[in-house]
Amino acid sequence: MNWLAGWRQCTNATDRWMAFVTALGILVPCLWTLRGQSDGMVVIRDALSHEIVWPLRRDTVMEVAGRLGPVRVEVRDHRVRLLEYQSPRLVGTMIGWIARPGQLTACIPCGVVIQIKGQGKDDPSSTPDHYDGIIR
């Protein structure tokens, strides 16, 4: 006897229907959580305390106000980076591209901070008081 014949002999139509509904009730939430996550957001804070929120999926090059002059920020291919600007050591541009939620790049002399925020509740970068590090 194969397993299908044994299953049919031990159950009736109602049992099989209830097993199907139960399996569906388990699989649908699992597949819902595994679906593609929506894109993150780039949060740019400039020297004038303005905050710009931009989706990572939309490519752009923008200028924000820095203490030493305008700072160019590039968003491309779900990544973001600081471009050239007038800063003594170019620390922010040396970091390069950032792409994961929670990553941060900054130019302290210019007063510009760029952070990628995630979309999930479990993502620590989605909480407003999350800090990766503090420098004096």
Protein backbone atom coordinates (compact mmCIF):
# COMPACT_ATOMS: atom_id res chain seq x y z
CA MET A 1 0.00 0.00 0.00
CA ASN A 2 1.38 3.39 -0.92
CA TRP A 3 1.04 6.49 1.26
CA LEU A 4 -1.78 8.03 -0.84
CA ALA A 5 -3.97 4.95 -0.53
CA GLY A 6 -3.32 4.87 3.23
CA TRP A 7 -4.19 8.58 3.48
CA ARG A 8 -7.49 8.07 1.65
CA GLN A 9 -8.38 5.07 3.79
CA CYS A 10 -7.70 6.87 7.10
CA THR A 11 -9.43 10.17 6.22
CA ASN A 12 -12.67 11.38 4.75
CA ALA A 13 -13.29 14.43 2.52
CA THR A 14 -13.76 16.78 5.48
CA ASP A 15 -10.45 15.72 7.04
CA ARG A 16 -8.62 16.25 3.77
CA TRP A 17 -10.28 19.66 3.32
CA MET A 18 -9.29 20.73 6.86
CA ALA A 19 -5.69 19.56 6.27
CA PHE A 20 -5.58 21.64 3.08
CA VAL A 21 -6.95 24.77 4.82
CA THR A 22 -4.50 24.32 7.72
CA ALA A 23 -1.53 23.93 5.37
CA LEU A 24 -2.67 27.00 3.46
CA GLY A 25 -2.97 28.93 6.74
CA ILE A 26 0.64 28.04 7.54
CA LEU A 27 2.16 28.56 4.10
CA VAL A 28 0.56 31.91 3.23
CA PRO A 29 2.06 33.82 6.22
CA CYS A 30 5.44 32.16 5.58
CA LEU A 31 5.41 33.20 1.93
CA TRP A 32 4.22 36.68 2.92
CA THR A 33 7.28 37.19 5.11
CA LEU A 34 9.62 35.86 2.42
CA ARG A 35 8.33 38.18 -0.30
CA GLY A 36 10.67 40.84 -1.63
CA GLN A 37 11.22 43.61 0.87
CA SER A 38 10.48 47.13 -0.26
CA ASP A 39 13.47 49.34 -0.91
CA GLY A 40 15.15 51.28 1.82
CA MET A 41 15.33 55.03 2.14
CA VAL A 42 18.29 57.38 2.25
CA VAL A 43 18.17 60.00 5.00
CA ILE A 44 20.44 62.99 4.39
CA ARG A 45 20.97 65.56 7.16
CA ASP A 46 22.71 68.73 6.04
CA ALA A 47 24.54 71.45 7.97
CA LEU A 48 21.34 73.52 8.28
CA SER A 49 19.56 70.65 10.09
CA HIS A 50 17.36 69.91 7.09
CA GLU A 51 16.50 66.27 6.54
CA ILE A 52 15.98 64.88 3.05
CA VAL A 53 14.44 61.42 2.67
CA TRP A 54 14.94 59.77 -0.73
CA PRO A 55 14.12 56.22 -1.92
CA LEU A 56 17.13 54.09 -2.83
CA ARG A 57 15.40 52.84 -5.97
CA ARG A 58 15.40 56.33 -7.58
CA ASP A 59 18.78 57.37 -8.99
CA THR A 60 19.80 60.99 -8.58
CA VAL A 61 22.67 63.37 -7.87
CA MET A 62 21.73 66.19 -5.49
CA GLU A 63 23.48 69.00 -3.68
CA VAL A 64 22.93 69.67 0.00
CA ALA A 65 24.19 72.53 2.12
CA GLY A 66 27.45 71.89 3.97
CA ARG A 67 29.36 74.17 6.33
CA LEU A 68 32.26 74.37 3.87
CA GLY A 69 30.05 74.70 0.80
CA PRO A 70 27.66 72.53 -1.20
CA VAL A 71 28.07 68.76 -0.93
CA ARG A 72 27.03 66.46 -3.76
CA VAL A 73 25.32 63.15 -2.92
CA GLU A 74 24.80 60.40 -5.50
CA VAL A 75 22.13 57.69 -5.29
CA ARG A 76 22.53 54.96 -7.91
CA ASP A 77 21.77 51.22 -8.17
CA HIS A 78 20.28 51.03 -4.64
CA ARG A 79 23.47 52.57 -3.17
CA VAL A 80 24.50 56.04 -2.01
CA ARG A 81 27.79 57.92 -1.63
CA LEU A 82 29.25 61.37 -1.05
CA LEU A 83 30.87 62.93 -4.11
CA GLU A 84 33.67 65.51 -4.21
CA TYR A 85 33.44 68.61 -2.06
CA GLN A 86 35.69 71.04 -0.22
CA SER A 87 36.70 69.08 2.87
CA PRO A 88 40.19 68.93 4.39
CA ARG A 89 40.69 65.15 4.35
CA LEU A 90 37.81 63.87 2.14
CA VAL A 91 36.92 61.25 4.77
CA GLY A 92 33.31 60.88 3.62
CA THR A 93 34.26 60.15 0.01
CA MET A 94 36.87 57.58 1.05
CA ILE A 95 34.14 55.46 2.64
CA GLY A 96 32.61 54.97 -0.81
CA TRP A 97 29.23 53.40 -1.48
CA ILE A 98 26.88 52.30 1.28
CA ALA A 99 23.93 50.04 0.52
CA ARG A 100 22.66 48.18 3.62
CA PRO A 101 20.15 49.47 6.17
CA GLY A 102 21.94 50.94 9.15
CA GLN A 103 25.07 51.95 7.26
CA LEU A 104 26.16 55.54 7.65
CA THR A 105 28.61 57.91 6.02
CA ALA A 106 29.37 61.44 7.09
CA CYS A 107 31.54 64.46 6.49
CA ILE A 108 32.00 65.97 9.93
CA PRO A 109 33.72 69.19 8.73
CA CYS A 110 30.83 69.81 6.31
CA GLY A 111 28.18 68.68 8.82
CA VAL A 112 26.51 66.24 6.39
CA VAL A 113 25.34 62.79 7.53
CA ILE A 114 23.88 60.13 5.21
CA GLN A 115 22.17 57.02 6.56
CA ILE A 116 20.24 54.19 4.97
CA LYS A 117 17.04 53.26 6.76
CA GLY A 118 15.38 49.87 6.37
CA GLN A 119 11.71 49.10 6.09
CA GLY A 120 11.36 46.30 8.65
CA LYS A 121 10.26 46.60 12.27
CA ASP A 122 13.12 44.32 13.38
CA ASP A 123 15.71 46.49 11.65
CA PRO A 124 17.54 48.55 14.31
CA SER A 125 18.08 51.39 11.83
CA SER A 126 14.32 51.92 11.54
CA THR A 127 14.13 53.18 15.12
CA PRO A 128 14.73 56.94 15.40
CA ASP A 129 17.19 56.71 18.33
CA HIS A 130 19.59 54.16 16.83
CA TYR A 131 23.24 55.22 16.74
CA ASP A 132 26.05 53.16 15.28
CA GLY A 133 28.76 55.23 16.89
CA ILE A 134 29.44 58.65 18.34
CA ILE A 135 32.62 60.62 17.66
CA ARG A 136 33.91 63.74 19.34
